[in-house]
Amino acid sequence: MSDDAAGGGAPPRRVRKEPDERRDQILACARRLFSRRPYAEVSNTEIAAAAGVSRGLLNHYFGTKRELYLAAVSKMMSVPPIPIPPFVEGTQVRDRIGQSLDAWLELLERNRETWVAALDMTTSGGDEDLERILEEGRDRAVDHMTEVVGLTPLSRDRPEIRAAFHGYAAMAVATSREWLKTGRLTRAQVHLILQEVLLNLLDQFPRLLEGEPPRRTEDAAALASPAE
């Protein structure tokens, strides 16, 4: 990917570029370095050298290392999910969930150090900007999950569905930490846990929504046999 190609080897010769292009180049190099080494081990001087810019120009665009790191995390969290076809009756939900989880775990593995550092910072507390970025990422993840399992229309009417998915997303984040930081789980084990927990959660939605049937035919189909 372009991030990996940027900033490799000897410092590149400085070439005049448009401001947006230069900013994107700096950010790409920062993402590459942050993804491979802990946050504390990466300096703005190193990022500037990898991007072929002066330290002053880097500071002009991003100010501090923290601001640059926040931009890198935001960029990582805004990567579009893999395209999925519209949900139709008879769709194999298990397959759709499996493909979606594969893509998410691949993203985390490519950006291991960035992700772990972000989780560490939020765990220690006090970084409202980082928490906001991660919360926006969780909201997009919930949007994607409801689309994957075919519950997007119903989730607009029933806040319980989005609330349940937010709880699942929090568990997914914690489980990813057990894989990427502590090593107590493998990627395959994380995939298995998250897939089976989500399928079981879908099985419970009819009880969760008991007393008010789905309002749309497609919602009823999705809830009738989510684990097929």
Protein backbone atom coordinates (compact mmCIF):
# COMPACT_ATOMS: atom_id res chain seq x y z
CA MET A 1 0.00 0.00 0.00
CA SER A 2 1.07 3.62 -0.49
CA ASP A 3 1.78 4.15 3.23
CA ASP A 4 4.40 1.41 3.19
CA ALA A 5 6.08 2.83 0.12
CA ALA A 6 6.29 6.30 1.58
CA GLY A 7 9.30 7.26 3.62
CA GLY A 8 11.37 4.12 3.04
CA GLY A 9 15.17 4.11 2.80
CA ALA A 10 17.25 7.30 2.61
CA PRO A 11 15.53 10.67 3.08
CA PRO A 12 14.01 11.63 -0.28
CA ARG A 13 15.03 14.75 -2.17
CA ARG A 14 12.71 17.62 -1.39
CA VAL A 15 10.37 18.49 -4.24
CA ARG A 16 7.96 21.41 -4.32
CA LYS A 17 4.39 20.13 -3.96
CA GLU A 18 0.94 21.57 -3.42
CA PRO A 19 0.03 22.05 0.27
CA ASP A 20 -2.58 19.25 0.35
CA GLU A 21 -0.21 16.86 -1.43
CA ARG A 22 2.60 17.72 0.97
CA ARG A 23 0.34 17.27 3.98
CA ASP A 24 -0.83 13.88 2.70
CA GLN A 25 2.79 12.83 2.16
CA ILE A 26 3.73 13.74 5.74
CA LEU A 27 0.69 11.92 7.08
CA ALA A 28 1.44 8.80 5.03
CA CYS A 29 4.99 8.64 6.40
CA ALA A 30 3.74 9.24 9.93
CA ARG A 31 1.18 6.45 9.62
CA ARG A 32 3.84 4.07 8.39
CA LEU A 33 6.21 4.86 11.25
CA PHE A 34 3.51 4.87 13.94
CA SER A 35 2.18 1.53 12.67
CA ARG A 36 5.56 -0.15 13.06
CA ARG A 37 6.97 1.29 16.28
CA PRO A 38 5.55 2.48 19.60
CA TYR A 39 4.41 6.09 19.72
CA ALA A 40 7.16 7.15 22.14
CA GLU A 41 9.89 5.85 19.81
CA VAL A 42 8.83 7.96 16.81
CA SER A 43 9.95 11.59 16.63
CA ASN A 44 8.78 14.48 14.47
CA THR A 45 12.36 14.85 13.24
CA GLU A 46 12.30 11.27 11.95
CA ILE A 47 8.92 11.75 10.30
CA ALA A 48 10.08 14.97 8.63
CA ALA A 49 13.20 13.25 7.28
CA ALA A 50 11.15 10.32 5.94
CA ALA A 51 8.76 12.72 4.22
CA GLY A 52 11.56 14.86 2.78
CA VAL A 53 10.43 18.05 4.51
CA SER A 54 11.87 20.33 7.15
CA ARG A 55 10.87 20.01 10.78
CA GLY A 56 9.46 23.52 10.55
CA LEU A 57 7.18 22.59 7.64
CA LEU A 58 5.94 19.52 9.49
CA ASN A 59 5.14 21.67 12.52
CA HIS A 60 3.37 24.15 10.24
CA TYR A 61 0.97 21.47 9.04
CA PHE A 62 0.49 19.47 12.25
CA GLY A 63 1.92 21.43 15.18
CA THR A 64 2.91 18.72 17.64
CA LYS A 65 3.58 14.99 17.45
CA ARG A 66 0.32 14.38 19.30
CA GLU A 67 -1.64 16.31 16.66
CA LEU A 68 0.07 14.34 13.92
CA TYR A 69 -0.67 11.09 15.73
CA LEU A 70 -4.34 12.04 16.11
CA ALA A 71 -4.48 12.71 12.37
CA ALA A 72 -2.90 9.29 11.72
CA VAL A 73 -5.44 7.53 13.94
CA SER A 74 -8.31 9.44 12.33
CA LYS A 75 -7.08 8.42 8.89
CA MET A 76 -6.83 4.78 9.96
CA MET A 77 -10.33 4.80 11.46
CA SER A 78 -11.82 6.37 8.31
CA VAL A 79 -10.67 3.59 5.96
CA PRO A 80 -13.82 2.54 4.05
CA PRO A 81 -15.09 -0.95 4.92
CA ILE A 82 -15.02 -3.63 2.25
CA PRO A 83 -17.95 -3.21 -0.15
CA ILE A 84 -20.79 -5.62 0.50
CA PRO A 85 -23.85 -6.27 -1.67
CA PRO A 86 -27.28 -5.25 -0.34
CA PHE A 87 -28.82 -7.64 2.14
CA VAL A 88 -31.54 -9.82 0.61
CA GLU A 89 -33.62 -12.66 2.02
CA GLY A 90 -31.64 -15.90 1.97
CA THR A 91 -28.28 -14.14 2.28
CA GLN A 92 -25.67 -16.11 4.22
CA VAL A 93 -25.17 -13.82 7.20
CA ARG A 94 -22.35 -15.95 8.61
CA ASP A 95 -20.33 -15.45 5.43
CA ARG A 96 -20.95 -11.70 5.41
CA ILE A 97 -19.87 -11.41 9.04
CA GLY A 98 -16.76 -13.49 8.41
CA GLN A 99 -15.68 -11.34 5.47
CA SER A 100 -16.27 -8.13 7.41
CA LEU A 101 -14.25 -9.37 10.40
CA ASP A 102 -11.41 -10.48 8.14
CA ALA A 103 -11.14 -6.98 6.69
CA TRP A 104 -11.23 -5.32 10.14
CA LEU A 105 -8.60 -7.62 11.62
CA GLU A 106 -6.37 -7.09 8.59
CA LEU A 107 -6.61 -3.32 9.08
CA LEU A 108 -5.63 -3.64 12.75
CA GLU A 109 -2.74 -5.97 11.97
CA ARG A 110 -1.32 -3.54 9.39
CA ASN A 111 -1.57 -0.71 11.93
CA ARG A 112 -0.72 -2.66 15.08
CA GLU A 113 1.36 -0.06 16.94
CA THR A 114 -0.95 2.83 16.05
CA TRP A 115 -3.98 0.90 17.32
CA VAL A 116 -2.32 -0.32 20.52
CA ALA A 117 -1.02 3.16 21.33
CA ALA A 118 -4.50 4.62 20.81
CA LEU A 119 -6.02 2.05 23.16
CA ASP A 120 -3.32 2.72 25.77
CA MET A 121 -3.94 6.46 25.64
CA THR A 122 -7.69 6.09 26.06
CA THR A 123 -7.22 3.58 28.89
CA SER A 124 -5.06 6.04 30.81
CA GLY A 125 -7.74 8.68 30.30
CA GLY A 126 -7.57 12.41 29.74
CA ASP A 127 -7.36 12.49 25.94
CA GLU A 128 -10.78 13.69 24.87
CA ASP A 129 -9.72 14.31 21.26
CA LEU A 130 -8.53 10.74 20.81
CA GLU A 131 -11.64 9.34 22.50
CA ARG A 132 -13.80 11.42 20.14
CA ILE A 133 -11.96 10.01 17.10
CA LEU A 134 -12.37 6.45 18.36
CA GLU A 135 -16.05 7.03 19.20
CA GLU A 136 -16.68 8.30 15.69
CA GLY A 137 -14.95 5.17 14.43
CA ARG A 138 -17.21 3.00 16.59
CA ASP A 139 -20.28 4.76 15.21
CA ARG A 140 -19.15 3.98 11.67
CA ALA A 141 -18.45 0.39 12.70
CA VAL A 142 -21.99 0.06 14.07
CA ASP A 143 -23.37 1.48 10.82
CA HIS A 144 -21.37 -1.13 8.93
CA MET A 145 -22.45 -3.99 11.19
CA THR A 146 -26.14 -3.21 10.82
CA GLU A 147 -25.66 -3.17 7.05
CA VAL A 148 -23.77 -6.48 7.08
CA VAL A 149 -26.55 -8.29 8.97
CA GLY A 150 -29.42 -6.54 7.20
CA LEU A 151 -30.79 -4.53 10.11
CA THR A 152 -30.05 -0.97 8.99
CA PRO A 153 -33.72 0.03 8.42
CA LEU A 154 -34.92 -1.46 11.71
CA SER A 155 -32.02 0.06 13.66
CA ARG A 156 -33.31 3.53 12.75
CA ASP A 157 -36.56 2.79 14.61
CA ARG A 158 -35.22 0.70 17.46
CA PRO A 159 -32.33 2.26 19.40
CA GLU A 160 -31.90 -1.02 21.29
CA ILE A 161 -30.25 -2.50 18.21
CA ARG A 162 -27.59 0.18 17.92
CA ALA A 163 -27.04 0.06 21.69
CA ALA A 164 -26.45 -3.70 21.51
CA PHE A 165 -24.03 -3.27 18.62
CA HIS A 166 -22.14 -0.58 20.54
CA GLY A 167 -21.70 -3.07 23.37
CA TYR A 168 -20.43 -5.64 20.89
CA ALA A 169 -18.03 -3.08 19.41
CA ALA A 170 -16.56 -2.40 22.86
CA MET A 171 -15.97 -6.13 23.32
CA ALA A 172 -14.35 -6.31 19.88
CA VAL A 173 -11.92 -3.54 20.84
CA ALA A 174 -11.03 -5.26 24.12
CA THR A 175 -10.56 -8.58 22.35
CA SER A 176 -8.30 -6.99 19.75
CA ARG A 177 -6.09 -5.73 22.58
CA GLU A 178 -5.74 -9.29 23.91
CA TRP A 179 -4.45 -10.27 20.49
CA LEU A 180 -2.25 -7.34 19.50
CA LYS A 181 -0.80 -6.31 22.87
CA THR A 182 -0.84 -9.21 25.32
CA GLY A 183 -0.69 -12.05 22.80
CA ARG A 184 -3.12 -14.12 24.86
CA LEU A 185 -5.30 -14.62 21.79
CA THR A 186 -4.41 -15.30 18.17
CA ARG A 187 -6.01 -13.57 15.21
CA ALA A 188 -7.91 -16.76 14.37
CA GLN A 189 -9.24 -17.00 17.93
CA VAL A 190 -10.35 -13.36 17.89
CA HIS A 191 -12.14 -13.96 14.60
CA LEU A 192 -13.91 -17.02 16.01
CA ILE A 193 -14.97 -15.25 19.20
CA LEU A 194 -16.28 -12.14 17.46
CA GLN A 195 -18.10 -14.10 14.77
CA GLU A 196 -19.87 -16.48 17.14
CA VAL A 197 -20.74 -13.78 19.69
CA LEU A 198 -22.28 -11.63 16.96
CA LEU A 199 -24.28 -14.53 15.57
CA ASN A 200 -25.56 -15.33 19.06
CA LEU A 201 -26.42 -11.68 19.62
CA LEU A 202 -28.50 -11.72 16.45
CA ASP A 203 -30.35 -14.78 17.76
CA GLN A 204 -31.36 -12.75 20.82
CA PHE A 205 -32.75 -9.75 18.96
CA PRO A 206 -36.32 -11.14 18.64
CA ARG A 207 -36.43 -11.43 22.45
CA LEU A 208 -34.80 -8.02 22.84
CA LEU A 209 -37.50 -6.49 20.67
CA GLU A 210 -40.30 -8.64 22.08
CA GLY A 211 -43.68 -6.94 22.08
CA GLU A 212 -43.18 -5.03 18.84
CA PRO A 213 -42.65 -7.02 15.63
CA PRO A 214 -40.32 -5.79 12.89
CA ARG A 215 -41.95 -3.06 10.84
CA ARG A 216 -40.59 -4.06 7.46
CA THR A 217 -40.64 -7.32 5.56
CA GLU A 218 -36.88 -7.28 5.04
CA ASP A 219 -36.34 -6.75 8.79
CA ALA A 220 -38.52 -9.74 9.60
CA ALA A 221 -36.48 -11.88 7.20
CA ALA A 222 -33.21 -10.74 8.76
CA LEU A 223 -34.37 -11.51 12.29
CA ALA A 224 -36.02 -14.82 11.44
CA SER A 225 -32.80 -16.74 10.79
CA PRO A 226 -29.74 -14.47 11.25
CA ALA A 227 -27.23 -17.29 11.64
CA GLU A 228 -27.93 -19.01 8.34
